[in-house]
C-alpha atoms as a PDB file:
ATOM      1  CA  GLN A   1     136.300  -5.270  58.324  1.00  0.00           C
ATOM      2  CA  LEU A   2     137.612  -8.393  56.605  1.00  0.00           C
ATOM      3  CA  GLN A   3     135.621 -10.242  53.949  1.00  0.00           C
ATOM      4  CA  ALA A   4     136.742 -13.756  53.022  1.00  0.00           C
ATOM      5  CA  SER A   5     135.650 -15.649  49.935  1.00  0.00           C
ATOM      6  CA  GLY A   6     136.577 -18.550  47.687  1.00  0.00           C
ATOM      7  CA  GLY A   7     135.722 -21.593  49.759  1.00  0.00           C
ATOM      8  CA  GLY A   8     133.885 -24.575  48.349  1.00  0.00           C
ATOM      9  CA  LEU A   9     133.777 -28.304  47.717  1.00  0.00           C
ATOM     10  CA  VAL A  10     136.697 -29.792  45.818  1.00  0.00           C
ATOM     11  CA  GLN A  11     137.814 -33.377  45.265  1.00  0.00           C
ATOM     12  CA  PRO A  12     141.106 -34.536  46.807  1.00  0.00           C
ATOM     13  CA  GLY A  13     143.999 -33.403  44.678  1.00  0.00           C
ATOM     14  CA  GLY A  14     142.144 -30.334  43.507  1.00  0.00           C
ATOM     15  CA  SER A  15     142.805 -26.632  44.081  1.00  0.00           C
ATOM     16  CA  LEU A  16     141.074 -23.614  45.576  1.00  0.00           C
ATOM     17  CA  ARG A  17     142.051 -19.986  46.004  1.00  0.00           C
ATOM     18  CA  LEU A  18     140.823 -18.041  49.009  1.00  0.00           C
ATOM     19  CA  SER A  19     140.707 -14.253  49.112  1.00  0.00           C
ATOM     20  CA  CYS A  20     140.284 -11.865  52.016  1.00  0.00           C
ATOM     21  CA  ALA A  21     139.885  -8.130  51.524  1.00  0.00           C
ATOM     22  CA  ALA A  22     140.114  -5.455  54.194  1.00  0.00           C
ATOM     23  CA  SER A  23     137.819  -2.470  53.863  1.00  0.00           C
ATOM     24  CA  GLY A  24     137.264   0.867  55.548  1.00  0.00           C
ATOM     25  CA  ARG A  25     139.650   3.728  56.227  1.00  0.00           C
ATOM     26  CA  ILE A  26     142.963   1.930  56.530  1.00  0.00           C
ATOM     27  CA  PHE A  27     146.297   3.517  57.345  1.00  0.00           C
ATOM     28  CA  SER A  28     148.427   0.376  57.228  1.00  0.00           C
ATOM     29  CA  ILE A  29     148.243  -3.393  57.466  1.00  0.00           C
ATOM     30  CA  ASN A  30     151.020  -5.364  59.109  1.00  0.00           C
ATOM     31  CA  ALA A  31     150.821  -9.144  59.265  1.00  0.00           C
ATOM     32  CA  MET A  32     148.038 -11.001  57.462  1.00  0.00           C
ATOM     33  CA  SER A  33     147.304 -14.677  57.967  1.00  0.00           C
ATOM     34  CA  TRP A  34     144.996 -17.607  57.380  1.00  0.00           C
ATOM     35  CA  HIS A  35     143.811 -19.938  60.108  1.00  0.00           C
ATOM     36  CA  ARG A  36     141.491 -22.924  60.023  1.00  0.00           C
ATOM     37  CA  GLN A  37     139.265 -24.820  62.400  1.00  0.00           C
ATOM     38  CA  ALA A  38     138.069 -28.345  61.743  1.00  0.00           C
ATOM     39  CA  PRO A  39     135.093 -29.817  63.651  1.00  0.00           C
ATOM     40  CA  GLY A  40     136.081 -30.725  67.189  1.00  0.00           C
ATOM     41  CA  LYS A  41     139.534 -29.186  66.863  1.00  0.00           C
ATOM     42  CA  GLN A  42     141.160 -25.949  67.893  1.00  0.00           C
ATOM     43  CA  ARG A  43     141.797 -23.159  65.444  1.00  0.00           C
ATOM     44  CA  GLU A  44     145.284 -23.411  63.970  1.00  0.00           C
ATOM     45  CA  LEU A  45     147.568 -21.149  61.963  1.00  0.00           C
ATOM     46  CA  VAL A  46     147.849 -22.200  58.316  1.00  0.00           C
ATOM     47  CA  ALA A  47     150.048 -19.458  56.858  1.00  0.00           C
ATOM     48  CA  ALA A  48     151.118 -15.897  57.569  1.00  0.00           C
ATOM     49  CA  ILE A  49     152.740 -13.096  55.597  1.00  0.00           C
ATOM     50  CA  THR A  50     154.336  -9.876  56.805  1.00  0.00           C
ATOM     51  CA  SER A  51     153.965  -6.483  55.172  1.00  0.00           C
ATOM     52  CA  GLY A  52     157.365  -7.075  53.597  1.00  0.00           C
ATOM     53  CA  GLY A  53     156.372 -10.428  52.118  1.00  0.00           C
ATOM     54  CA  SER A  54     158.036 -12.882  54.497  1.00  0.00           C
ATOM     55  CA  THR A  55     155.955 -16.034  54.854  1.00  0.00           C
ATOM     56  CA  THR A  56     155.402 -18.801  57.394  1.00  0.00           C
ATOM     57  CA  TYR A  57     153.533 -22.077  56.880  1.00  0.00           C
ATOM     58  CA  ALA A  58     152.226 -24.881  59.024  1.00  0.00           C
ATOM     59  CA  SER A  59     154.203 -28.035  58.327  1.00  0.00           C
ATOM     60  CA  SER A  60     151.032 -29.813  57.172  1.00  0.00           C
ATOM     61  CA  VAL A  61     150.536 -27.403  54.248  1.00  0.00           C
ATOM     62  CA  LYS A  62     154.115 -26.502  53.336  1.00  0.00           C
ATOM     63  CA  GLY A  63     154.728 -27.136  49.646  1.00  0.00           C
ATOM     64  CA  ARG A  64     151.005 -27.279  48.856  1.00  0.00           C
ATOM     65  CA  PHE A  65     149.653 -23.900  49.977  1.00  0.00           C
ATOM     66  CA  THR A  66     150.934 -20.440  49.048  1.00  0.00           C
ATOM     67  CA  ILE A  67     150.039 -17.227  50.839  1.00  0.00           C
ATOM     68  CA  SER A  68     150.379 -13.894  49.057  1.00  0.00           C
ATOM     69  CA  ARG A  69     149.092 -10.355  49.381  1.00  0.00           C
ATOM     70  CA  ASP A  70     148.286  -7.349  47.249  1.00  0.00           C
ATOM     71  CA  ASN A  71     149.005  -4.308  49.391  1.00  0.00           C
ATOM     72  CA  ALA A  72     147.363  -1.950  46.909  1.00  0.00           C
ATOM     73  CA  LYS A  73     144.111  -3.883  47.282  1.00  0.00           C
ATOM     74  CA  ASN A  74     144.494  -4.635  51.017  1.00  0.00           C
ATOM     75  CA  THR A  75     143.923  -8.271  50.142  1.00  0.00           C
ATOM     76  CA  VAL A  76     145.512 -11.551  51.197  1.00  0.00           C
ATOM     77  CA  TYR A  77     145.232 -14.778  49.212  1.00  0.00           C
ATOM     78  CA  LEU A  78     145.695 -18.460  49.963  1.00  0.00           C
ATOM     79  CA  GLN A  79     146.324 -20.713  46.978  1.00  0.00           C
ATOM     80  CA  MET A  80     145.624 -24.283  48.040  1.00  0.00           C
ATOM     81  CA  ASN A  81     146.834 -27.096  45.803  1.00  0.00           C
ATOM     82  CA  THR A  82     146.751 -30.866  46.167  1.00  0.00           C
ATOM     83  CA  LEU A  83     143.948 -30.617  48.716  1.00  0.00           C
ATOM     84  CA  LYS A  84     143.472 -33.500  51.125  1.00  0.00           C
ATOM     85  CA  PRO A  85     140.469 -34.568  53.231  1.00  0.00           C
ATOM     86  CA  GLU A  86     142.332 -33.368  56.340  1.00  0.00           C
ATOM     87  CA  ASP A  87     142.316 -29.828  54.897  1.00  0.00           C
ATOM     88  CA  THR A  88     138.540 -29.736  55.396  1.00  0.00           C
ATOM     89  CA  ALA A  89     137.785 -26.872  57.779  1.00  0.00           C
ATOM     90  CA  VAL A  90     136.418 -23.372  58.087  1.00  0.00           C
ATOM     91  CA  TYR A  91     139.172 -20.985  57.025  1.00  0.00           C
ATOM     92  CA  TYR A  92     139.502 -17.584  58.675  1.00  0.00           C
ATOM     93  CA  CYS A  93     141.645 -14.644  57.646  1.00  0.00           C
ATOM     94  CA  ASN A  94     143.271 -12.347  60.157  1.00  0.00           C
ATOM     95  CA  ALA A  95     145.027  -9.005  59.861  1.00  0.00           C
ATOM     96  CA  ASP A  96     146.728  -6.445  62.090  1.00  0.00           C
ATOM     97  CA  ILE A  97     145.322  -3.122  60.928  1.00  0.00           C
ATOM     98  CA  SER A  98     145.954   0.469  61.835  1.00  0.00           C
ATOM     99  CA  ARG A  99     142.906   2.479  60.863  1.00  0.00           C
ATOM    100  CA  LEU A 100     142.316   6.170  60.275  1.00  0.00           C
ATOM    101  CA  THR A 101     140.105   7.870  62.843  1.00  0.00           C
ATOM    102  CA  TYR A 102     138.337  11.154  62.216  1.00  0.00           C
ATOM    103  CA  TYR A 103     139.164  13.806  64.796  1.00  0.00           C
ATOM    104  CA  GLY A 104     138.928  17.575  64.750  1.00  0.00           C
ATOM    105  CA  GLY A 105     138.321  17.820  61.013  1.00  0.00           C
ATOM    106  CA  SER A 106     141.075  15.440  59.868  1.00  0.00           C
ATOM    107  CA  TYR A 107     141.866  11.719  59.763  1.00  0.00           C
ATOM    108  CA  TYR A 108     144.666  10.379  61.924  1.00  0.00           C
ATOM    109  CA  PRO A 109     146.185   6.889  62.146  1.00  0.00           C
ATOM    110  CA  ASP A 110     145.416   4.896  65.255  1.00  0.00           C
ATOM    111  CA  ALA A 111     148.205   4.811  67.820  1.00  0.00           C
ATOM    112  CA  SER A 112     148.372   1.029  67.570  1.00  0.00           C
ATOM    113  CA  GLU A 113     147.171  -1.801  65.379  1.00  0.00           C
ATOM    114  CA  SER A 114     144.065  -3.830  66.092  1.00  0.00           C
ATOM    115  CA  ASP A 115     143.482  -7.493  65.340  1.00  0.00           C
ATOM    116  CA  TYR A 116     140.653  -8.268  62.897  1.00  0.00           C
ATOM    117  CA  TRP A 117     139.083 -11.578  61.842  1.00  0.00           C
ATOM    118  CA  GLY A 118     137.104 -12.430  58.734  1.00  0.00           C
ATOM    119  CA  GLN A 119     133.821 -14.300  58.895  1.00  0.00           C
ATOM    120  CA  GLY A 120     135.192 -17.685  57.784  1.00  0.00           C
ATOM    121  CA  THR A 121     134.757 -19.648  54.575  1.00  0.00           C
ATOM    122  CA  GLN A 122     134.154 -23.411  54.386  1.00  0.00           C
ATOM    123  CA  VAL A 123     136.606 -25.611  52.493  1.00  0.00           C
ATOM    124  CA  THR A 124     135.607 -29.247  52.012  1.00  0.00           C
ATOM    125  CA  SER A 125     137.640 -31.997  50.397  1.00  0.00           C
ATOM    126  CA  PRO A 126     135.724 -35.229  51.032  1.00  0.00           C
ATOM    127  CA  ALA A 127     137.423 -38.490  51.860  1.00  0.00           C
END
């Protein structure tokens, strides 16, 4: 399960920090990412980070947003600076997670990762 938080209303030029924590019995987390969906538009990738810390950004946010993660806390962050009205959207976190499954008295990692989405958090920067 992924729980996102940190959204809100901020004036253009302001900053927000989103957080998304994974919970449950987790063996490993590979890529983590943030996506957003504005009204009437398709969901788009904002930023992604691998387990090793390599990052990718949409061109529209490069230089303004920073994605990071705390592997010990199973948490991914999105620091958003110099917000613009066009950044207004619902932001979703995503993670590729291998969980531990109980079987025969012990926990074992899943054979493959599964794709999980957070519930979305609204970010509004009014025009």
